[in-house]
C-alpha atoms as a PDB file:
ATOM      1  CA  MET A   1       0.000   0.000   0.000  1.00  0.00           C
ATOM      2  CA  THR A   2       1.262   3.467  -0.852  1.00  0.00           C
ATOM      3  CA  ILE A   3       0.146   6.292   1.445  1.00  0.00           C
ATOM      4  CA  ASP A   4       0.346   9.897   0.232  1.00  0.00           C
ATOM      5  CA  PHE A   5      -0.469  12.691   2.689  1.00  0.00           C
ATOM      6  CA  GLN A   6       1.209  15.668   1.027  1.00  0.00           C
ATOM      7  CA  ASP A   7      -0.779  18.535   2.482  1.00  0.00           C
ATOM      8  CA  GLU A   8       1.751  20.788   4.155  1.00  0.00           C
ATOM      9  CA  THR A   9       2.812  23.944   2.330  1.00  0.00           C
ATOM     10  CA  ASN A  10       5.917  24.129   4.517  1.00  0.00           C
ATOM     11  CA  PRO A  11       8.422  21.496   3.291  1.00  0.00           C
ATOM     12  CA  GLU A  12      10.147  21.240   6.667  1.00  0.00           C
ATOM     13  CA  LYS A  13       6.828  20.578   8.443  1.00  0.00           C
ATOM     14  CA  GLN A  14       5.922  17.999   5.797  1.00  0.00           C
ATOM     15  CA  GLU A  15       9.219  16.155   6.247  1.00  0.00           C
ATOM     16  CA  LYS A  16       8.885  16.220  10.038  1.00  0.00           C
ATOM     17  CA  LEU A  17       5.347  14.805   9.779  1.00  0.00           C
ATOM     18  CA  THR A  18       6.586  12.103   7.384  1.00  0.00           C
ATOM     19  CA  GLN A  19       9.407  11.124   9.749  1.00  0.00           C
ATOM     20  CA  ASN A  20       7.105  11.068  12.784  1.00  0.00           C
ATOM     21  CA  LEU A  21       4.476   8.926  11.090  1.00  0.00           C
ATOM     22  CA  TRP A  22       7.127   6.560   9.721  1.00  0.00           C
ATOM     23  CA  GLN A  23       8.633   6.107  13.188  1.00  0.00           C
ATOM     24  CA  GLN A  24       5.255   5.534  14.832  1.00  0.00           C
ATOM     25  CA  MET A  25       3.937   3.199  12.136  1.00  0.00           C
ATOM     26  CA  ARG A  26       6.967   0.944  12.508  1.00  0.00           C
ATOM     27  CA  ASN A  27       5.443  -0.148  15.838  1.00  0.00           C
ATOM     28  CA  ILE A  28       2.122  -1.317  14.368  1.00  0.00           C
ATOM     29  CA  GLN A  29       2.029  -5.103  14.383  1.00  0.00           C
ATOM     30  CA  GLY A  30       1.386  -6.575  10.941  1.00  0.00           C
ATOM     31  CA  VAL A  31       2.618  -3.440   9.143  1.00  0.00           C
ATOM     32  CA  LYS A  32       6.019  -3.226   7.486  1.00  0.00           C
ATOM     33  CA  ILE A  33       6.520   0.456   6.668  1.00  0.00           C
ATOM     34  CA  ASP A  34       9.207   2.148   4.620  1.00  0.00           C
ATOM     35  CA  ARG A  35      10.011   5.542   3.235  1.00  0.00           C
ATOM     36  CA  ILE A  36      10.085   5.897  -0.544  1.00  0.00           C
ATOM     37  CA  SER A  37      13.482   6.791  -1.969  1.00  0.00           C
ATOM     38  CA  ASP A  38      13.686   9.799  -4.248  1.00  0.00           C
ATOM     39  CA  PRO A  39      14.603   8.483  -7.711  1.00  0.00           C
ATOM     40  CA  ASN A  40      15.861  11.955  -8.703  1.00  0.00           C
ATOM     41  CA  PRO A  41      17.456  13.577  -5.654  1.00  0.00           C
ATOM     42  CA  PRO A  42      18.338  17.265  -6.044  1.00  0.00           C
ATOM     43  CA  GLU A  43      21.778  17.886  -7.429  1.00  0.00           C
ATOM     44  CA  GLY A  44      24.352  18.308  -4.678  1.00  0.00           C
ATOM     45  CA  SER A  45      22.355  16.297  -2.133  1.00  0.00           C
ATOM     46  CA  ARG A  46      23.503  13.019  -0.709  1.00  0.00           C
ATOM     47  CA  ALA A  47      21.931  10.200  -2.688  1.00  0.00           C
ATOM     48  CA  ILE A  48      21.768   7.994   0.396  1.00  0.00           C
ATOM     49  CA  GLY A  49      18.839   8.961   2.571  1.00  0.00           C
ATOM     50  CA  ALA A  50      17.012  11.077  -0.031  1.00  0.00           C
ATOM     51  CA  PHE A  51      13.315  10.313   0.407  1.00  0.00           C
ATOM     52  CA  LEU A  52      10.100  11.656  -1.041  1.00  0.00           C
ATOM     53  CA  TRP A  53       8.235  13.721   1.538  1.00  0.00           C
ATOM     54  CA  GLY A  54       4.697  12.790   2.429  1.00  0.00           C
ATOM     55  CA  LEU A  55       4.928   9.320   0.901  1.00  0.00           C
ATOM     56  CA  LEU A  56       5.184   6.023   2.719  1.00  0.00           C
ATOM     57  CA  GLN A  57       4.954   2.468   1.490  1.00  0.00           C
ATOM     58  CA  ALA A  58       3.550  -0.281   3.682  1.00  0.00           C
ATOM     59  CA  GLU A  59       3.117  -4.000   3.482  1.00  0.00           C
ATOM     60  CA  VAL A  60       0.005  -4.688   5.536  1.00  0.00           C
ATOM     61  CA  SER A  61      -1.495  -7.982   6.671  1.00  0.00           C
ATOM     62  CA  LYS A  62      -5.265  -8.385   6.258  1.00  0.00           C
ATOM     63  CA  GLU A  63      -5.591  -8.449  10.034  1.00  0.00           C
ATOM     64  CA  SER A  64      -3.810  -5.089  10.407  1.00  0.00           C
ATOM     65  CA  VAL A  65      -5.744  -2.986   7.860  1.00  0.00           C
ATOM     66  CA  LYS A  66      -8.215  -1.759  10.495  1.00  0.00           C
ATOM     67  CA  THR A  67      -5.394  -0.867  12.905  1.00  0.00           C
ATOM     68  CA  LEU A  68      -3.482   1.025  10.207  1.00  0.00           C
ATOM     69  CA  PHE A  69      -6.507   3.020   9.069  1.00  0.00           C
ATOM     70  CA  GLY A  70      -7.450   3.796  12.678  1.00  0.00           C
ATOM     71  CA  PHE A  71      -3.918   5.091  13.218  1.00  0.00           C
ATOM     72  CA  LEU A  72      -4.086   7.243  10.073  1.00  0.00           C
ATOM     73  CA  GLY A  73      -7.473   8.638  11.096  1.00  0.00           C
ATOM     74  CA  ASP A  74      -6.180   9.496  14.576  1.00  0.00           C
ATOM     75  CA  ARG A  75      -2.957  11.140  13.350  1.00  0.00           C
ATOM     76  CA  LEU A  76      -4.089  12.824  10.141  1.00  0.00           C
ATOM     77  CA  GLY A  77      -7.727  13.527  10.996  1.00  0.00           C
ATOM     78  CA  ASP A  78      -9.306  15.414   8.145  1.00  0.00           C
ATOM     79  CA  LYS A  79      -6.134  16.016   6.109  1.00  0.00           C
ATOM     80  CA  PRO A  80      -6.305  14.733   2.546  1.00  0.00           C
ATOM     81  CA  ILE A  81      -4.819  11.275   2.104  1.00  0.00           C
ATOM     82  CA  LYS A  82      -4.329   9.407  -1.161  1.00  0.00           C
ATOM     83  CA  GLY A  83      -3.460   5.780  -1.319  1.00  0.00           C
ATOM     84  CA  LYS A  84      -3.114   2.748  -3.484  1.00  0.00           C
ATOM     85  CA  ALA A  85      -3.556  -0.806  -2.265  1.00  0.00           C
ATOM     86  CA  LYS A  86      -2.034  -3.571  -4.364  1.00  0.00           C
ATOM     87  CA  PHE A  87      -3.185  -7.105  -3.716  1.00  0.00           C
ATOM     88  CA  SER A  88      -1.105 -10.253  -4.143  1.00  0.00           C
ATOM     89  CA  ASP A  89      -3.182 -11.281  -7.179  1.00  0.00           C
ATOM     90  CA  GLY A  90      -2.307  -8.035  -9.010  1.00  0.00           C
ATOM     91  CA  ARG A  91      -5.532  -6.114  -8.379  1.00  0.00           C
ATOM     92  CA  GLU A  92      -5.217  -2.474  -7.293  1.00  0.00           C
ATOM     93  CA  PHE A  93      -7.504  -0.062  -5.487  1.00  0.00           C
ATOM     94  CA  GLU A  94      -6.815   3.678  -5.376  1.00  0.00           C
ATOM     95  CA  PHE A  95      -8.519   5.937  -2.873  1.00  0.00           C
ATOM     96  CA  GLU A  96      -8.677   9.538  -1.726  1.00  0.00           C
ATOM     97  CA  ALA A  97      -9.992  10.526   1.674  1.00  0.00           C
ATOM     98  CA  SER A  98     -10.461  13.981   3.175  1.00  0.00           C
ATOM     99  CA  SER A  99     -12.411  12.892   6.240  1.00  0.00           C
ATOM    100  CA  ARG A 100     -12.560  10.054   8.717  1.00  0.00           C
ATOM    101  CA  ALA A 101     -15.762   8.812   7.054  1.00  0.00           C
ATOM    102  CA  GLU A 102     -14.032   8.604   3.661  1.00  0.00           C
ATOM    103  CA  LEU A 103     -11.034   6.891   5.254  1.00  0.00           C
ATOM    104  CA  LEU A 104     -13.378   4.347   6.877  1.00  0.00           C
ATOM    105  CA  ALA A 105     -15.053   3.695   3.502  1.00  0.00           C
ATOM    106  CA  ALA A 106     -11.626   3.081   1.907  1.00  0.00           C
ATOM    107  CA  GLU A 107     -10.675   0.718   4.753  1.00  0.00           C
ATOM    108  CA  GLU A 108     -13.904  -1.254   4.334  1.00  0.00           C
ATOM    109  CA  THR A 109     -13.373  -1.541   0.575  1.00  0.00           C
ATOM    110  CA  ILE A 110      -9.796  -2.751   1.032  1.00  0.00           C
ATOM    111  CA  GLN A 111     -10.900  -5.327   3.606  1.00  0.00           C
ATOM    112  CA  ARG A 112     -13.683  -6.530   1.283  1.00  0.00           C
ATOM    113  CA  LEU A 113     -11.282  -6.757  -1.690  1.00  0.00           C
ATOM    114  CA  ALA A 114      -8.724  -8.627   0.428  1.00  0.00           C
ATOM    115  CA  GLN A 115     -11.344 -11.352   0.991  1.00  0.00           C
ATOM    116  CA  ILE A 116     -11.944 -11.829  -2.749  1.00  0.00           C
ATOM    117  CA  LYS A 117      -9.594 -14.274  -4.402  1.00  0.00           C
END
Protein backbone atom coordinates (compact mmCIF):
# COMPACT_ATOMS: atom_id res chain seq x y z
CA MET A 1 0.00 0.00 0.00
CA THR A 2 1.26 3.47 -0.85
CA ILE A 3 0.15 6.29 1.44
CA ASP A 4 0.35 9.90 0.23
CA PHE A 5 -0.47 12.69 2.69
CA GLN A 6 1.21 15.67 1.03
CA ASP A 7 -0.78 18.53 2.48
CA GLU A 8 1.75 20.79 4.16
CA THR A 9 2.81 23.94 2.33
CA ASN A 10 5.92 24.13 4.52
CA PRO A 11 8.42 21.50 3.29
CA GLU A 12 10.15 21.24 6.67
CA LYS A 13 6.83 20.58 8.44
CA GLN A 14 5.92 18.00 5.80
CA GLU A 15 9.22 16.15 6.25
CA LYS A 16 8.89 16.22 10.04
CA LEU A 17 5.35 14.81 9.78
CA THR A 18 6.59 12.10 7.38
CA GLN A 19 9.41 11.12 9.75
CA ASN A 20 7.10 11.07 12.78
CA LEU A 21 4.48 8.93 11.09
CA TRP A 22 7.13 6.56 9.72
CA GLN A 23 8.63 6.11 13.19
CA GLN A 24 5.25 5.53 14.83
CA MET A 25 3.94 3.20 12.14
CA ARG A 26 6.97 0.94 12.51
CA ASN A 27 5.44 -0.15 15.84
CA ILE A 28 2.12 -1.32 14.37
CA GLN A 29 2.03 -5.10 14.38
CA GLY A 30 1.39 -6.57 10.94
CA VAL A 31 2.62 -3.44 9.14
CA LYS A 32 6.02 -3.23 7.49
CA ILE A 33 6.52 0.46 6.67
CA ASP A 34 9.21 2.15 4.62
CA ARG A 35 10.01 5.54 3.24
CA ILE A 36 10.09 5.90 -0.54
CA SER A 37 13.48 6.79 -1.97
CA ASP A 38 13.69 9.80 -4.25
CA PRO A 39 14.60 8.48 -7.71
CA ASN A 40 15.86 11.95 -8.70
CA PRO A 41 17.46 13.58 -5.65
CA PRO A 42 18.34 17.26 -6.04
CA GLU A 43 21.78 17.89 -7.43
CA GLY A 44 24.35 18.31 -4.68
CA SER A 45 22.36 16.30 -2.13
CA ARG A 46 23.50 13.02 -0.71
CA ALA A 47 21.93 10.20 -2.69
CA ILE A 48 21.77 7.99 0.40
CA GLY A 49 18.84 8.96 2.57
CA ALA A 50 17.01 11.08 -0.03
CA PHE A 51 13.32 10.31 0.41
CA LEU A 52 10.10 11.66 -1.04
CA TRP A 53 8.24 13.72 1.54
CA GLY A 54 4.70 12.79 2.43
CA LEU A 55 4.93 9.32 0.90
CA LEU A 56 5.18 6.02 2.72
CA GLN A 57 4.95 2.47 1.49
CA ALA A 58 3.55 -0.28 3.68
CA GLU A 59 3.12 -4.00 3.48
CA VAL A 60 0.01 -4.69 5.54
CA SER A 61 -1.49 -7.98 6.67
CA LYS A 62 -5.26 -8.39 6.26
CA GLU A 63 -5.59 -8.45 10.03
CA SER A 64 -3.81 -5.09 10.41
CA VAL A 65 -5.74 -2.99 7.86
CA LYS A 66 -8.22 -1.76 10.50
CA THR A 67 -5.39 -0.87 12.90
CA LEU A 68 -3.48 1.03 10.21
CA PHE A 69 -6.51 3.02 9.07
CA GLY A 70 -7.45 3.80 12.68
CA PHE A 71 -3.92 5.09 13.22
CA LEU A 72 -4.09 7.24 10.07
CA GLY A 73 -7.47 8.64 11.10
CA ASP A 74 -6.18 9.50 14.58
CA ARG A 75 -2.96 11.14 13.35
CA LEU A 76 -4.09 12.82 10.14
CA GLY A 77 -7.73 13.53 11.00
CA ASP A 78 -9.31 15.41 8.15
CA LYS A 79 -6.13 16.02 6.11
CA PRO A 80 -6.30 14.73 2.55
CA ILE A 81 -4.82 11.28 2.10
CA LYS A 82 -4.33 9.41 -1.16
CA GLY A 83 -3.46 5.78 -1.32
CA LYS A 84 -3.11 2.75 -3.48
CA ALA A 85 -3.56 -0.81 -2.27
CA LYS A 86 -2.03 -3.57 -4.36
CA PHE A 87 -3.18 -7.11 -3.72
CA SER A 88 -1.10 -10.25 -4.14
CA ASP A 89 -3.18 -11.28 -7.18
CA GLY A 90 -2.31 -8.03 -9.01
CA ARG A 91 -5.53 -6.11 -8.38
CA GLU A 92 -5.22 -2.47 -7.29
CA PHE A 93 -7.50 -0.06 -5.49
CA GLU A 94 -6.81 3.68 -5.38
CA PHE A 95 -8.52 5.94 -2.87
CA GLU A 96 -8.68 9.54 -1.73
CA ALA A 97 -9.99 10.53 1.67
CA SER A 98 -10.46 13.98 3.17
CA SER A 99 -12.41 12.89 6.24
CA ARG A 100 -12.56 10.05 8.72
CA ALA A 101 -15.76 8.81 7.05
CA GLU A 102 -14.03 8.60 3.66
CA LEU A 103 -11.03 6.89 5.25
CA LEU A 104 -13.38 4.35 6.88
CA ALA A 105 -15.05 3.69 3.50
CA ALA A 106 -11.63 3.08 1.91
CA GLU A 107 -10.67 0.72 4.75
CA GLU A 108 -13.90 -1.25 4.33
CA THR A 109 -13.37 -1.54 0.57
CA ILE A 110 -9.80 -2.75 1.03
CA GLN A 111 -10.90 -5.33 3.61
CA ARG A 112 -13.68 -6.53 1.28
CA LEU A 113 -11.28 -6.76 -1.69
CA ALA A 114 -8.72 -8.63 0.43
CA GLN A 115 -11.34 -11.35 0.99
CA ILE A 116 -11.94 -11.83 -2.75
CA LYS A 117 -9.59 -14.27 -4.40
